[in-house]
């Protein structure tokens, strides 16, 4: 058996930046165990496997990290839409097209934008409304990311779980220096597991240097020590910040940098819509670029 794959870099216009993604556009016949093996072989943050739709939408998509299957993620949706559009999977696209991916977390709408005959960008709408979990002690989280407790900002929110389909512990840091100093402390991550959490930790700081926000994401127990661009976390961040904004109704947009410390700079555009105090929609988008394609052989 053999399967074609494509590799793209997501949330960048430059090859070898952004977040790597492997896409198998025709994954029929693969068992879950084989998909996990393939994801481990690529060893990217995620690998996607595309199937015909089960409920009449555009495609059914499954997403795997090197360690586990996950119900939803940001850059895999943006990258999968980009790859399928680039190889003609949706036919000719003029100006824009919206596709719907069926995933474990729900239906994911992805708007594909074309310009001058090329796919310029893709933007997903999160499959779930932003939701919030427990707030954690500052020192517990600070220890896990190897920063001082005074580096954690709690003016808007404490270290808090937020999700639009995949949960993250959201932590605001006081400045870019603290963000750059952050490191994984595995015993600290194990302490987070003891809180009955999947300890995927998203760190961010507010800036005014051409980006509104700079961010990092550590998920060592998901097989991703650090992620260059985390669409699902940034989408949840948009929901979180819009939720805590004193503005009861409005549209919010943030330009976010991630992956800089890894040498894989990424640019993400996060948006949220809030009506009468309720965050109704969150979106994340950006560019992508094809890097390579090939064949995987299976016994």
Protein backbone atom coordinates (compact mmCIF):
# COMPACT_ATOMS: atom_id res chain seq x y z
CA UNK A 1 0.00 0.00 0.00
CA UNK A 2 1.15 3.53 -0.68
CA UNK A 3 -0.23 6.95 0.15
CA UNK A 4 0.67 10.36 -1.21
CA UNK A 5 1.44 13.10 1.27
CA UNK A 6 2.10 16.82 1.08
CA UNK A 7 4.09 18.94 3.50
CA UNK A 8 3.32 22.61 3.95
CA UNK A 9 4.38 25.37 6.31
CA UNK A 10 1.39 27.13 7.88
CA UNK A 11 1.00 30.71 9.14
CA UNK A 12 3.87 31.93 7.00
CA UNK A 13 4.53 33.06 3.45
CA UNK A 14 8.14 31.81 3.63
CA UNK A 15 9.25 28.18 3.37
CA UNK A 16 10.87 26.80 6.49
CA UNK A 17 9.00 29.26 8.69
CA UNK A 18 5.63 28.74 10.34
CA UNK A 19 4.35 25.38 11.52
CA UNK A 20 5.02 22.22 9.55
CA UNK A 21 2.11 20.02 8.58
CA UNK A 22 1.89 16.72 6.72
CA UNK A 23 -1.39 16.08 4.90
CA UNK A 24 -2.56 12.77 3.45
CA UNK A 25 -5.38 13.92 1.15
CA UNK A 26 -6.71 10.39 0.47
CA UNK A 27 -6.34 8.34 3.64
CA UNK A 28 -9.01 5.72 2.97
CA UNK A 29 -8.01 2.32 4.30
CA UNK A 30 -5.74 3.51 7.09
CA UNK A 31 -6.43 2.24 10.61
CA UNK A 32 -6.04 4.50 13.64
CA UNK A 33 -2.86 2.68 14.65
CA UNK A 34 -1.34 3.29 11.22
CA UNK A 35 -2.24 6.97 11.32
CA UNK A 36 -0.55 7.29 14.69
CA UNK A 37 2.57 5.56 13.35
CA UNK A 38 2.67 7.90 10.35
CA UNK A 39 2.26 10.97 12.56
CA UNK A 40 5.10 9.72 14.74
CA UNK A 41 7.22 9.16 11.63
CA UNK A 42 6.77 12.76 10.46
CA UNK A 43 7.15 13.97 14.06
CA UNK A 44 5.54 17.33 13.28
CA UNK A 45 3.20 18.99 15.76
CA UNK A 46 0.33 17.45 13.79
CA UNK A 47 -0.41 15.33 10.73
CA UNK A 48 -3.84 15.24 9.08
CA UNK A 49 -5.66 12.41 7.34
CA UNK A 50 -8.46 13.27 4.93
CA UNK A 51 -11.46 11.05 4.20
CA UNK A 52 -14.72 11.39 2.29
CA UNK A 53 -17.41 13.11 4.38
CA UNK A 54 -19.54 11.07 6.77
CA UNK A 55 -22.38 13.57 7.16
CA UNK A 56 -22.53 15.28 3.78
CA UNK A 57 -20.04 18.10 4.24
CA UNK A 58 -16.77 18.72 2.37
CA UNK A 59 -14.36 16.24 3.99
CA UNK A 60 -13.87 14.22 7.17
CA UNK A 61 -10.53 15.07 8.79
CA UNK A 62 -8.61 13.35 11.58
CA UNK A 63 -5.68 15.02 13.34
CA UNK A 64 -2.79 13.31 15.13
CA UNK A 65 0.15 14.62 17.15
CA UNK A 66 3.15 12.27 17.49
CA UNK A 67 1.57 10.98 20.71
CA UNK A 68 -2.21 11.03 20.30
CA UNK A 69 -5.26 11.89 18.21
CA UNK A 70 -6.83 15.26 19.01
CA UNK A 71 -10.39 16.50 18.31
CA UNK A 72 -9.46 19.82 16.71
CA UNK A 73 -6.47 22.05 15.99
CA UNK A 74 -5.85 25.29 14.17
CA UNK A 75 -2.90 25.01 11.83
CA UNK A 76 -3.93 21.51 10.64
CA UNK A 77 -7.25 22.89 9.40
CA UNK A 78 -5.70 25.92 7.73
CA UNK A 79 -2.97 23.76 6.18
CA UNK A 80 -5.30 20.96 5.07
CA UNK A 81 -7.62 23.43 3.34
CA UNK A 82 -4.60 25.09 1.73
CA UNK A 83 -3.16 21.80 0.46
CA UNK A 84 -6.44 20.48 -0.90
CA UNK A 85 -7.17 23.80 -2.62
CA UNK A 86 -3.63 24.00 -4.03
CA UNK A 87 -3.76 20.52 -5.60
CA UNK A 88 -7.19 21.10 -7.12
CA UNK A 89 -9.19 19.13 -4.58
CA UNK A 90 -11.97 21.71 -4.59
CA UNK A 91 -11.86 22.54 -8.29
CA UNK A 92 -11.19 26.06 -9.52
CA UNK A 93 -11.43 28.72 -6.82
CA UNK A 94 -12.19 32.27 -7.86
CA UNK A 95 -11.84 34.85 -5.10
CA UNK A 96 -13.05 32.67 -2.21
CA UNK A 97 -14.60 29.37 -1.18
CA UNK A 98 -15.79 28.08 2.19
CA UNK A 99 -15.39 24.37 2.98
CA UNK A 100 -16.62 22.40 5.99
CA UNK A 101 -14.50 19.75 7.68
CA UNK A 102 -16.12 17.14 9.90
CA UNK A 103 -14.00 16.57 13.02
CA UNK A 104 -14.38 15.06 16.45
CA UNK A 105 -14.89 18.51 18.00
CA UNK A 106 -17.59 19.42 15.48
CA UNK A 107 -17.85 21.14 12.11
CA UNK A 108 -14.98 23.43 11.16
CA UNK A 109 -15.63 26.07 8.50
CA UNK A 110 -12.57 27.21 6.57
CA UNK A 111 -12.72 30.20 4.22
CA UNK A 112 -10.16 29.90 1.41
CA UNK A 113 -9.05 33.12 -0.29
CA UNK A 114 -7.53 33.18 -3.78
CA UNK A 115 -5.50 36.01 -5.35
CA UNK A 116 -3.78 36.09 -8.75
CA UNK A 117 -4.35 32.37 -9.25
CA UNK A 118 -2.81 31.34 -5.92
CA UNK A 119 -4.23 30.47 -2.52
CA UNK A 120 -3.44 33.59 -0.50
CA UNK A 121 -4.80 32.63 2.92
CA UNK A 122 -7.22 30.43 4.83
CA UNK A 123 -9.26 31.29 7.92
CA UNK A 124 -11.12 28.84 10.12
CA UNK A 125 -14.10 29.39 12.35
CA UNK A 126 -13.78 27.45 15.60
CA UNK A 127 -16.20 24.50 15.94
CA UNK A 128 -17.19 25.44 19.49
CA UNK A 129 -17.91 28.62 21.41
CA UNK A 130 -15.17 29.64 23.79
CA UNK A 131 -15.51 27.88 27.15
CA UNK A 132 -13.57 28.16 30.37
CA UNK A 133 -12.27 25.66 32.87
CA UNK A 134 -10.51 25.95 36.19
CA UNK A 135 -8.18 28.75 37.23
CA UNK A 136 -4.85 27.48 38.54
CA UNK A 137 -2.49 28.77 41.23
CA UNK A 138 0.09 31.16 39.77
CA UNK A 139 3.04 29.42 41.40
CA UNK A 140 1.99 26.01 40.06
CA UNK A 141 2.02 27.27 36.47
CA UNK A 142 5.09 29.47 36.92
CA UNK A 143 7.07 26.45 38.10
CA UNK A 144 5.99 24.40 35.06
CA UNK A 145 7.28 27.07 32.64
CA UNK A 146 10.36 28.03 34.70
CA UNK A 147 9.49 31.67 35.35
CA UNK A 148 9.08 33.65 38.54
CA UNK A 149 5.55 34.02 39.85
CA UNK A 150 5.88 37.80 39.52
CA UNK A 151 6.28 37.33 35.74
CA UNK A 152 2.69 36.05 35.51
CA UNK A 153 0.11 38.79 34.90
CA UNK A 154 -3.30 38.31 36.55
CA UNK A 155 -4.92 41.70 35.89
CA UNK A 156 -7.25 40.32 33.18
CA UNK A 157 -7.27 36.66 34.17
CA UNK A 158 -5.24 34.20 36.18
CA UNK A 159 -3.77 31.06 34.59
CA UNK A 160 -6.99 29.65 33.22
CA UNK A 161 -8.14 26.81 30.98
CA UNK A 162 -9.88 27.99 27.81
CA UNK A 163 -11.03 26.05 24.76
CA UNK A 164 -12.75 26.40 21.39
CA UNK A 165 -12.45 22.66 20.77
CA UNK A 166 -9.09 21.84 22.37
CA UNK A 167 -8.23 23.04 25.91
CA UNK A 168 -5.15 25.06 26.86
CA UNK A 169 -3.91 26.63 30.06
CA UNK A 170 -3.72 30.32 29.13
CA UNK A 171 -0.99 32.31 30.89
CA UNK A 172 -0.26 36.00 30.38
CA UNK A 173 3.34 37.09 31.03
CA UNK A 174 4.46 40.61 31.82
CA UNK A 175 6.86 41.21 28.93
CA UNK A 176 8.74 39.69 26.01
CA UNK A 177 11.78 38.99 28.17
CA UNK A 178 9.75 36.71 30.43
CA UNK A 179 8.27 35.00 27.37
CA UNK A 180 11.74 34.33 25.96
CA UNK A 181 13.03 32.95 29.29
CA UNK A 182 10.24 30.39 29.64
CA UNK A 183 11.37 26.74 29.59
CA UNK A 184 9.69 23.39 30.18
CA UNK A 185 10.03 21.98 33.70
CA UNK A 186 8.79 18.40 33.38
CA UNK A 187 8.16 17.95 37.10
CA UNK A 188 6.02 21.08 36.93
CA UNK A 189 4.06 19.67 33.99
CA UNK A 190 3.53 16.45 35.92
CA UNK A 191 2.12 18.54 38.77
CA UNK A 192 -0.37 20.00 36.29
CA UNK A 193 -1.40 16.48 35.29
CA UNK A 194 -2.11 15.84 38.97
CA UNK A 195 -4.72 18.61 38.70
CA UNK A 196 -6.57 16.37 36.21
CA UNK A 197 -5.54 18.55 33.25
CA UNK A 198 -3.98 17.96 29.85
CA UNK A 199 -1.11 20.37 30.45
CA UNK A 200 -0.82 22.14 27.09
CA UNK A 201 0.35 25.57 28.23
CA UNK A 202 -0.06 28.69 26.08
CA UNK A 203 1.99 31.73 27.09
CA UNK A 204 1.51 35.20 25.72
CA UNK A 205 2.44 38.81 26.27
CA UNK A 206 0.96 41.99 24.83
CA UNK A 207 3.29 44.01 22.62
CA UNK A 208 3.32 47.04 20.37
CA UNK A 209 6.12 46.11 17.99
CA UNK A 210 4.14 45.40 14.82
CA UNK A 211 2.30 42.60 16.61
CA UNK A 212 -0.42 42.92 19.21
CA UNK A 213 0.63 39.71 20.94
CA UNK A 214 3.66 37.41 21.04
CA UNK A 215 3.10 33.83 22.14
CA UNK A 216 4.59 30.39 22.77
CA UNK A 217 2.98 26.99 23.43
CA UNK A 218 4.47 24.02 25.32
CA UNK A 219 2.85 20.57 25.12
CA UNK A 220 5.58 18.04 25.99
CA UNK A 221 3.12 15.37 27.17
CA UNK A 222 1.37 15.54 23.79
CA UNK A 223 4.68 14.91 22.01
CA UNK A 224 5.13 18.60 21.14
CA UNK A 225 7.82 20.22 23.31
CA UNK A 226 7.12 23.58 21.65
CA UNK A 227 4.77 24.48 18.83
CA UNK A 228 5.70 27.12 16.23
CA UNK A 229 2.09 28.25 15.65
CA UNK A 230 -0.97 27.06 17.55
CA UNK A 231 -4.14 28.13 15.79
CA UNK A 232 -6.51 26.50 18.27
CA UNK A 233 -4.81 28.18 21.24
CA UNK A 234 -4.69 31.59 19.59
CA UNK A 235 -8.34 31.18 18.63
CA UNK A 236 -9.14 30.42 22.27
CA UNK A 237 -7.08 33.45 23.27
CA UNK A 238 -9.23 35.63 21.01
CA UNK A 239 -12.31 34.29 22.76
CA UNK A 240 -10.75 34.78 26.19
CA UNK A 241 -9.69 38.40 25.58
CA UNK A 242 -12.99 39.30 23.94
CA UNK A 243 -14.84 37.72 26.86
CA UNK A 244 -12.97 39.84 29.41
CA UNK A 245 -13.15 43.02 27.34
CA UNK A 246 -15.44 45.65 28.90
CA UNK A 247 -16.86 46.23 25.42
CA UNK A 248 -20.15 44.35 25.34
CA UNK A 249 -20.56 44.27 21.55
CA UNK A 250 -17.89 44.50 18.89
CA UNK A 251 -15.41 42.94 16.52
CA UNK A 252 -11.87 42.28 17.76
CA UNK A 253 -8.69 41.52 15.80
CA UNK A 254 -5.17 40.65 16.95
CA UNK A 255 -1.97 40.16 14.93
CA UNK A 256 0.02 37.47 16.73
CA UNK A 257 3.63 36.29 16.44
CA UNK A 258 4.63 32.79 17.54
CA UNK A 259 7.57 30.46 16.85
CA UNK A 260 10.18 33.22 16.88
CA UNK A 261 12.20 31.62 19.68
CA UNK A 262 12.29 28.36 17.67
CA UNK A 263 13.56 29.99 14.48
CA UNK A 264 10.21 29.34 12.78
CA UNK A 265 8.47 32.73 12.88
CA UNK A 266 4.72 32.57 12.35
CA UNK A 267 2.05 35.22 11.86
CA UNK A 268 -1.55 34.52 12.88
CA UNK A 269 -4.59 36.77 12.60
CA UNK A 270 -7.13 36.08 15.36
CA UNK A 271 -10.65 37.52 15.35
CA UNK A 272 -13.66 37.42 17.64
CA UNK A 273 -17.23 38.66 17.47
CA UNK A 274 -19.06 39.62 20.67
CA UNK A 275 -22.76 40.49 20.96
CA UNK A 276 -24.47 41.64 24.17
CA UNK A 277 -21.64 40.37 26.34
CA UNK A 278 -21.40 36.95 24.69
CA UNK A 279 -18.51 35.87 22.44
CA UNK A 280 -20.32 34.25 19.54
CA UNK A 281 -17.53 33.49 17.06
CA UNK A 282 -13.76 33.09 17.06
CA UNK A 283 -11.56 32.74 13.99
CA UNK A 284 -7.90 32.22 13.15
CA UNK A 285 -6.24 32.61 9.78
CA UNK A 286 -3.05 33.11 7.84
CA UNK A 287 -0.99 32.14 4.84
CA UNK A 288 0.68 28.82 3.98
CA UNK A 289 3.22 27.54 1.48
CA UNK A 290 3.85 24.11 -0.05
CA UNK A 291 7.23 22.57 0.74
CA UNK A 292 7.27 19.02 -0.64
CA UNK A 293 5.27 15.96 -1.58
CA UNK A 294 5.98 12.26 -1.71
CA UNK A 295 4.81 8.70 -1.11
CA UNK A 296 4.57 6.72 2.13
CA UNK A 297 4.82 2.95 1.73
CA UNK A 298 3.02 0.64 4.13
CA UNK A 299 3.43 -3.10 4.56
